[in-house]
Amino acid sequence: MIAAKLGDTTSALVLFLRSRTLMPGFLDAYQQLSRIYYQKKEYPKALWFAQEGLNFYPNDADLHYRRGLTFLQTSQVDSSYTEFMKAIKTEPNNPGANLYVASLLFNVEKAAAALKHLQVVEKVNPNYPGLNFLMAQCLELVGNDDKAMDYYLTEAQQNPGNRKAIGGYWRTRRKQLTNYPELRQDERYRPALTVPDKTGTAAADSI
């Protein structure tokens, strides 16, 4: 375990393979072997060790999650979704599984269903990587531009390199001001000078 944390994957592989041989059913060995082979992009092996672990621990959320990640890398979206949902069934508050399920649902335009999973992630960790941007996209898709604008703004301020978040902020803000001109008096709708427009400079309120 120490070798894995230090990044010595070769030594870690030897140790975990030996542990698996000496102690069949040792959960940590299957989890770590699946993780290491996933990182090495040896996806068939990653899937195999995760499944071997599930033969001993059929309800282990981590192993289902790792199979879900691996299926995504091999473009097996349906299998990935199934594994993430199995992880959630065992561990309802699993942030990674919920975020990936939300992403898969968003990709097939089921934003309302995706939002339910994102709300779980937000309760567990409001700063979870990728949460704010996906939340904003889903909210915009269901027509809640007001809240979407806030999430785009948060994402843009936390990750200035996310040009899509910056564009999303100005787009939803513009739609709101077009539909509800009275919002010009709202402090939240004054130009957010900390958010650049697509040219890289602070955008003026041209509406």
C-alpha atoms as a PDB file:
ATOM      1  CA  MET A   1       0.000   0.000   0.000  1.00  0.00           C
ATOM      2  CA  ILE A   2       2.873   2.362   0.822  1.00  0.00           C
ATOM      3  CA  ALA A   3       4.489   1.621  -2.549  1.00  0.00           C
ATOM      4  CA  ALA A   4       1.246   2.487  -4.333  1.00  0.00           C
ATOM      5  CA  LYS A   5       0.942   5.787  -2.479  1.00  0.00           C
ATOM      6  CA  LEU A   6       4.545   6.644  -3.357  1.00  0.00           C
ATOM      7  CA  GLY A   7       3.853   5.993  -7.032  1.00  0.00           C
ATOM      8  CA  ASP A   8       6.023   2.871  -7.308  1.00  0.00           C
ATOM      9  CA  THR A   9       3.520   0.911  -9.382  1.00  0.00           C
ATOM     10  CA  THR A  10       5.921  -1.914 -10.215  1.00  0.00           C
ATOM     11  CA  SER A  11       6.571  -2.738  -6.560  1.00  0.00           C
ATOM     12  CA  ALA A  12       2.907  -2.186  -5.750  1.00  0.00           C
ATOM     13  CA  LEU A  13       1.840  -4.662  -8.434  1.00  0.00           C
ATOM     14  CA  VAL A  14       4.200  -7.304  -7.090  1.00  0.00           C
ATOM     15  CA  LEU A  15       2.953  -6.789  -3.533  1.00  0.00           C
ATOM     16  CA  PHE A  16      -0.743  -6.843  -4.402  1.00  0.00           C
ATOM     17  CA  LEU A  17      -0.413  -9.830  -6.720  1.00  0.00           C
ATOM     18  CA  ARG A  18       1.392 -11.680  -3.938  1.00  0.00           C
ATOM     19  CA  SER A  19      -1.285 -10.639  -1.439  1.00  0.00           C
ATOM     20  CA  ARG A  20      -3.980 -11.936  -3.775  1.00  0.00           C
ATOM     21  CA  THR A  21      -2.187 -15.293  -4.014  1.00  0.00           C
ATOM     22  CA  LEU A  22      -1.466 -15.658  -0.302  1.00  0.00           C
ATOM     23  CA  MET A  23      -4.783 -14.246   0.895  1.00  0.00           C
ATOM     24  CA  PRO A  24      -7.552 -14.990  -1.617  1.00  0.00           C
ATOM     25  CA  GLY A  25     -10.434 -12.670  -0.917  1.00  0.00           C
ATOM     26  CA  PHE A  26      -8.239  -9.792   0.330  1.00  0.00           C
ATOM     27  CA  LEU A  27     -10.410  -6.869  -0.804  1.00  0.00           C
ATOM     28  CA  ASP A  28      -7.729  -4.186  -0.888  1.00  0.00           C
ATOM     29  CA  ALA A  29      -5.633  -6.238  -3.310  1.00  0.00           C
ATOM     30  CA  TYR A  30      -8.428  -6.384  -5.896  1.00  0.00           C
ATOM     31  CA  GLN A  31      -9.232  -2.694  -5.508  1.00  0.00           C
ATOM     32  CA  GLN A  32      -5.616  -1.648  -5.917  1.00  0.00           C
ATOM     33  CA  LEU A  33      -4.864  -4.037  -8.777  1.00  0.00           C
ATOM     34  CA  SER A  34      -7.874  -2.750 -10.668  1.00  0.00           C
ATOM     35  CA  ARG A  35      -6.819   0.847  -9.989  1.00  0.00           C
ATOM     36  CA  ILE A  36      -3.197   0.306 -11.038  1.00  0.00           C
ATOM     37  CA  TYR A  37      -4.055  -1.497 -14.268  1.00  0.00           C
ATOM     38  CA  TYR A  38      -6.615   1.217 -15.054  1.00  0.00           C
ATOM     39  CA  GLN A  39      -3.916   3.864 -14.639  1.00  0.00           C
ATOM     40  CA  LYS A  40      -1.610   1.793 -16.865  1.00  0.00           C
ATOM     41  CA  LYS A  41      -4.443   1.712 -19.435  1.00  0.00           C
ATOM     42  CA  GLU A  42      -4.487  -2.067 -19.349  1.00  0.00           C
ATOM     43  CA  TYR A  43      -8.255  -2.091 -19.244  1.00  0.00           C
ATOM     44  CA  PRO A  44      -8.977  -5.822 -19.682  1.00  0.00           C
ATOM     45  CA  LYS A  45      -6.823  -6.567 -16.631  1.00  0.00           C
ATOM     46  CA  ALA A  46      -8.442  -3.739 -14.664  1.00  0.00           C
ATOM     47  CA  LEU A  47     -11.877  -5.203 -15.395  1.00  0.00           C
ATOM     48  CA  TRP A  48     -10.754  -8.728 -14.628  1.00  0.00           C
ATOM     49  CA  PHE A  49      -9.360  -7.961 -11.171  1.00  0.00           C
ATOM     50  CA  ALA A  50     -12.378  -5.848 -10.278  1.00  0.00           C
ATOM     51  CA  GLN A  51     -14.671  -8.714 -11.279  1.00  0.00           C
ATOM     52  CA  GLU A  52     -12.565 -11.210  -9.342  1.00  0.00           C
ATOM     53  CA  GLY A  53     -12.959  -9.027  -6.275  1.00  0.00           C
ATOM     54  CA  LEU A  54     -16.704  -8.810  -6.848  1.00  0.00           C
ATOM     55  CA  ASN A  55     -16.866 -12.593  -6.799  1.00  0.00           C
ATOM     56  CA  PHE A  56     -15.921 -12.296  -3.123  1.00  0.00           C
ATOM     57  CA  TYR A  57     -17.599  -8.944  -2.408  1.00  0.00           C
ATOM     58  CA  PRO A  58     -20.515  -8.526  -4.845  1.00  0.00           C
ATOM     59  CA  ASN A  59     -21.703  -5.320  -3.191  1.00  0.00           C
ATOM     60  CA  ASP A  60     -18.405  -3.461  -2.958  1.00  0.00           C
ATOM     61  CA  ALA A  61     -19.053   0.063  -4.258  1.00  0.00           C
ATOM     62  CA  ASP A  62     -15.408   0.773  -5.065  1.00  0.00           C
ATOM     63  CA  LEU A  63     -15.062  -2.258  -7.334  1.00  0.00           C
ATOM     64  CA  HIS A  64     -18.272  -1.417  -9.192  1.00  0.00           C
ATOM     65  CA  TYR A  65     -17.056   2.180  -9.520  1.00  0.00           C
ATOM     66  CA  ARG A  66     -13.728   1.035 -10.960  1.00  0.00           C
ATOM     67  CA  ARG A  67     -15.477  -1.196 -13.478  1.00  0.00           C
ATOM     68  CA  GLY A  68     -17.659   1.772 -14.418  1.00  0.00           C
ATOM     69  CA  LEU A  69     -14.600   3.941 -15.052  1.00  0.00           C
ATOM     70  CA  THR A  70     -12.966   1.231 -17.125  1.00  0.00           C
ATOM     71  CA  PHE A  71     -16.050   0.584 -19.239  1.00  0.00           C
ATOM     72  CA  LEU A  72     -16.157   4.319 -20.011  1.00  0.00           C
ATOM     73  CA  GLN A  73     -12.613   4.164 -21.346  1.00  0.00           C
ATOM     74  CA  THR A  74     -13.585   1.309 -23.645  1.00  0.00           C
ATOM     75  CA  SER A  75     -16.724   3.130 -24.874  1.00  0.00           C
ATOM     76  CA  GLN A  76     -19.103   0.652 -23.241  1.00  0.00           C
ATOM     77  CA  VAL A  77     -21.465   3.332 -21.995  1.00  0.00           C
ATOM     78  CA  ASP A  78     -24.388   1.097 -21.027  1.00  0.00           C
ATOM     79  CA  SER A  79     -22.149  -1.216 -18.997  1.00  0.00           C
ATOM     80  CA  SER A  80     -20.516   1.801 -17.387  1.00  0.00           C
ATOM     81  CA  TYR A  81     -23.891   3.220 -16.353  1.00  0.00           C
ATOM     82  CA  THR A  82     -24.931  -0.145 -14.903  1.00  0.00           C
ATOM     83  CA  GLU A  83     -21.772  -0.397 -12.793  1.00  0.00           C
ATOM     84  CA  PHE A  84     -22.048   3.161 -11.485  1.00  0.00           C
ATOM     85  CA  MET A  85     -25.667   2.522 -10.501  1.00  0.00           C
ATOM     86  CA  LYS A  86     -24.606  -0.638  -8.651  1.00  0.00           C
ATOM     87  CA  ALA A  87     -22.046   1.448  -6.760  1.00  0.00           C
ATOM     88  CA  ILE A  88     -24.760   3.965  -5.864  1.00  0.00           C
ATOM     89  CA  LYS A  89     -27.120   1.208  -4.726  1.00  0.00           C
ATOM     90  CA  THR A  90     -24.506   0.083  -2.201  1.00  0.00           C
ATOM     91  CA  GLU A  91     -23.198   3.558  -1.378  1.00  0.00           C
ATOM     92  CA  PRO A  92     -25.894   6.154  -2.212  1.00  0.00           C
ATOM     93  CA  ASN A  93     -23.650   9.121  -1.400  1.00  0.00           C
ATOM     94  CA  ASN A  94     -20.730   7.991  -3.581  1.00  0.00           C
ATOM     95  CA  PRO A  95     -19.797  11.321  -5.216  1.00  0.00           C
ATOM     96  CA  GLY A  96     -17.818   9.913  -8.136  1.00  0.00           C
ATOM     97  CA  ALA A  97     -20.474   7.418  -9.181  1.00  0.00           C
ATOM     98  CA  ASN A  98     -23.238  10.014  -8.891  1.00  0.00           C
ATOM     99  CA  LEU A  99     -21.274  12.548 -10.936  1.00  0.00           C
ATOM    100  CA  TYR A 100     -20.594  10.062 -13.726  1.00  0.00           C
ATOM    101  CA  VAL A 101     -24.215   8.914 -13.804  1.00  0.00           C
ATOM    102  CA  ALA A 102     -25.275  12.560 -14.021  1.00  0.00           C
ATOM    103  CA  SER A 103     -22.852  13.115 -16.894  1.00  0.00           C
ATOM    104  CA  LEU A 104     -24.166  10.088 -18.781  1.00  0.00           C
ATOM    105  CA  LEU A 105     -27.756  11.231 -18.266  1.00  0.00           C
ATOM    106  CA  PHE A 106     -26.897  14.760 -19.411  1.00  0.00           C
ATOM    107  CA  ASN A 107     -25.363  13.337 -22.583  1.00  0.00           C
ATOM    108  CA  VAL A 108     -28.739  11.830 -23.508  1.00  0.00           C
ATOM    109  CA  GLU A 109     -30.554  15.050 -22.542  1.00  0.00           C
ATOM    110  CA  LYS A 110     -32.018  13.725 -19.307  1.00  0.00           C
ATOM    111  CA  ALA A 111     -30.951  16.792 -17.365  1.00  0.00           C
ATOM    112  CA  ALA A 112     -33.725  16.649 -14.761  1.00  0.00           C
ATOM    113  CA  ALA A 113     -32.686  13.132 -13.755  1.00  0.00           C
ATOM    114  CA  ALA A 114     -29.031  14.174 -13.791  1.00  0.00           C
ATOM    115  CA  LEU A 115     -29.726  17.022 -11.369  1.00  0.00           C
ATOM    116  CA  LYS A 116     -30.931  14.583  -8.717  1.00  0.00           C
ATOM    117  CA  HIS A 117     -27.540  12.873  -8.734  1.00  0.00           C
ATOM    118  CA  LEU A 118     -25.679  16.183  -8.771  1.00  0.00           C
ATOM    119  CA  GLN A 119     -27.577  17.328  -5.697  1.00  0.00           C
ATOM    120  CA  VAL A 120     -26.232  14.257  -3.893  1.00  0.00           C
ATOM    121  CA  VAL A 121     -22.682  15.181  -4.879  1.00  0.00           C
ATOM    122  CA  GLU A 122     -23.204  18.773  -3.759  1.00  0.00           C
ATOM    123  CA  LYS A 123     -24.328  17.660  -0.307  1.00  0.00           C
ATOM    124  CA  VAL A 124     -21.263  15.444   0.081  1.00  0.00           C
ATOM    125  CA  ASN A 125     -18.721  17.888  -1.344  1.00  0.00           C
ATOM    126  CA  PRO A 126     -19.804  21.186  -2.962  1.00  0.00           C
ATOM    127  CA  ASN A 127     -16.278  21.603  -4.350  1.00  0.00           C
ATOM    128  CA  TYR A 128     -16.139  18.204  -6.054  1.00  0.00           C
ATOM    129  CA  PRO A 129     -14.230  18.521  -9.361  1.00  0.00           C
ATOM    130  CA  GLY A 130     -16.540  18.961 -12.333  1.00  0.00           C
ATOM    131  CA  LEU A 131     -19.663  19.513 -10.231  1.00  0.00           C
ATOM    132  CA  ASN A 132     -20.301  23.224 -10.826  1.00  0.00           C
ATOM    133  CA  PHE A 133     -19.926  23.085 -14.595  1.00  0.00           C
ATOM    134  CA  LEU A 134     -22.153  20.044 -15.051  1.00  0.00           C
ATOM    135  CA  MET A 135     -24.706  21.487 -12.634  1.00  0.00           C
ATOM    136  CA  ALA A 136     -24.781  24.695 -14.691  1.00  0.00           C
ATOM    137  CA  GLN A 137     -25.230  22.795 -17.954  1.00  0.00           C
ATOM    138  CA  CYS A 138     -28.098  20.730 -16.567  1.00  0.00           C
ATOM    139  CA  LEU A 139     -29.837  23.752 -15.059  1.00  0.00           C
ATOM    140  CA  GLU A 140     -29.578  25.612 -18.347  1.00  0.00           C
ATOM    141  CA  LEU A 141     -30.985  22.622 -20.226  1.00  0.00           C
ATOM    142  CA  VAL A 142     -34.068  22.524 -17.976  1.00  0.00           C
ATOM    143  CA  GLY A 143     -34.547  26.277 -18.407  1.00  0.00           C
ATOM    144  CA  ASN A 144     -33.296  27.508 -15.041  1.00  0.00           C
ATOM    145  CA  ASP A 145     -30.946  30.156 -16.421  1.00  0.00           C
ATOM    146  CA  ASP A 146     -30.861  32.122 -13.167  1.00  0.00           C
ATOM    147  CA  LYS A 147     -29.273  29.314 -11.156  1.00  0.00           C
ATOM    148  CA  ALA A 148     -27.239  28.122 -14.127  1.00  0.00           C
ATOM    149  CA  MET A 149     -25.618  31.555 -14.310  1.00  0.00           C
ATOM    150  CA  ASP A 150     -24.478  31.279 -10.687  1.00  0.00           C
ATOM    151  CA  TYR A 151     -22.889  27.870 -11.221  1.00  0.00           C
ATOM    152  CA  TYR A 152     -21.194  28.993 -14.435  1.00  0.00           C
ATOM    153  CA  LEU A 153     -19.826  32.002 -12.546  1.00  0.00           C
ATOM    154  CA  THR A 154     -18.469  29.842  -9.728  1.00  0.00           C
ATOM    155  CA  GLU A 155     -16.834  27.469 -12.203  1.00  0.00           C
ATOM    156  CA  ALA A 156     -15.343  30.333 -14.235  1.00  0.00           C
ATOM    157  CA  GLN A 157     -13.875  31.966 -11.140  1.00  0.00           C
ATOM    158  CA  GLN A 158     -12.441  28.703  -9.819  1.00  0.00           C
ATOM    159  CA  ASN A 159     -11.181  27.548 -13.227  1.00  0.00           C
ATOM    160  CA  PRO A 160     -10.467  30.599 -15.421  1.00  0.00           C
ATOM    161  CA  GLY A 161      -9.247  28.317 -18.184  1.00  0.00           C
ATOM    162  CA  ASN A 162     -12.707  26.819 -18.673  1.00  0.00           C
ATOM    163  CA  ARG A 163     -13.815  28.908 -21.634  1.00  0.00           C
ATOM    164  CA  LYS A 164     -17.117  27.039 -21.906  1.00  0.00           C
ATOM    165  CA  ALA A 165     -18.014  28.073 -18.364  1.00  0.00           C
ATOM    166  CA  ILE A 166     -17.188  31.702 -19.167  1.00  0.00           C
ATOM    167  CA  GLY A 167     -19.314  31.528 -22.286  1.00  0.00           C
ATOM    168  CA  GLY A 168     -22.110  29.860 -20.345  1.00  0.00           C
ATOM    169  CA  TYR A 169     -22.094  32.629 -17.745  1.00  0.00           C
ATOM    170  CA  TRP A 170     -22.479  35.409 -20.302  1.00  0.00           C
ATOM    171  CA  ARG A 171     -25.012  33.435 -22.341  1.00  0.00           C
ATOM    172  CA  THR A 172     -27.364  32.709 -19.423  1.00  0.00           C
ATOM    173  CA  ARG A 173     -26.945  36.231 -18.053  1.00  0.00           C
ATOM    174  CA  ARG A 174     -27.854  37.671 -21.463  1.00  0.00           C
ATOM    175  CA  LYS A 175     -30.937  35.469 -21.752  1.00  0.00           C
ATOM    176  CA  GLN A 176     -32.127  36.492 -18.304  1.00  0.00           C
ATOM    177  CA  LEU A 177     -31.691  40.212 -18.997  1.00  0.00           C
ATOM    178  CA  THR A 178     -33.469  39.853 -22.329  1.00  0.00           C
ATOM    179  CA  ASN A 179     -36.430  38.044 -20.792  1.00  0.00           C
ATOM    180  CA  TYR A 180     -36.523  40.052 -17.558  1.00  0.00           C
ATOM    181  CA  PRO A 181     -35.204  43.614 -18.144  1.00  0.00           C
ATOM    182  CA  GLU A 182     -36.039  44.555 -14.552  1.00  0.00           C
ATOM    183  CA  LEU A 183     -33.147  42.378 -13.417  1.00  0.00           C
ATOM    184  CA  ARG A 184     -30.792  45.186 -14.438  1.00  0.00           C
ATOM    185  CA  GLN A 185     -31.463  46.612 -10.987  1.00  0.00           C
ATOM    186  CA  ASP A 186     -30.408  43.366  -9.322  1.00  0.00           C
ATOM    187  CA  GLU A 187     -26.877  43.422  -7.903  1.00  0.00           C
ATOM    188  CA  ARG A 188     -26.275  39.880  -9.174  1.00  0.00           C
ATOM    189  CA  TYR A 189     -26.830  40.987 -12.770  1.00  0.00           C
ATOM    190  CA  ARG A 190     -24.326  43.802 -12.860  1.00  0.00           C
ATOM    191  CA  PRO A 191     -21.320  42.989 -15.048  1.00  0.00           C
ATOM    192  CA  ALA A 192     -19.066  40.528 -13.257  1.00  0.00           C
ATOM    193  CA  LEU A 193     -15.737  42.111 -14.146  1.00  0.00           C
ATOM    194  CA  THR A 194     -13.853  39.104 -12.792  1.00  0.00           C
ATOM    195  CA  VAL A 195     -15.301  36.975 -15.587  1.00  0.00           C
ATOM    196  CA  PRO A 196     -13.779  37.694 -19.022  1.00  0.00           C
ATOM    197  CA  ASP A 197     -15.687  37.301 -22.241  1.00  0.00           C
ATOM    198  CA  LYS A 198     -14.543  35.074 -25.117  1.00  0.00           C
ATOM    199  CA  THR A 199     -11.970  37.693 -26.173  1.00  0.00           C
ATOM    200  CA  GLY A 200     -10.245  37.393 -22.808  1.00  0.00           C
ATOM    201  CA  THR A 201     -11.259  40.824 -21.532  1.00  0.00           C
ATOM    202  CA  ALA A 202     -14.006  41.867 -19.152  1.00  0.00           C
ATOM    203  CA  ALA A 203     -17.171  42.215 -21.194  1.00  0.00           C
ATOM    204  CA  ALA A 204     -19.310  45.328 -21.105  1.00  0.00           C
ATOM    205  CA  ASP A 205     -23.059  45.127 -20.677  1.00  0.00           C
ATOM    206  CA  SER A 206     -24.136  45.583 -24.286  1.00  0.00           C
ATOM    207  CA  ILE A 207     -27.741  44.496 -23.926  1.00  0.00           C
END
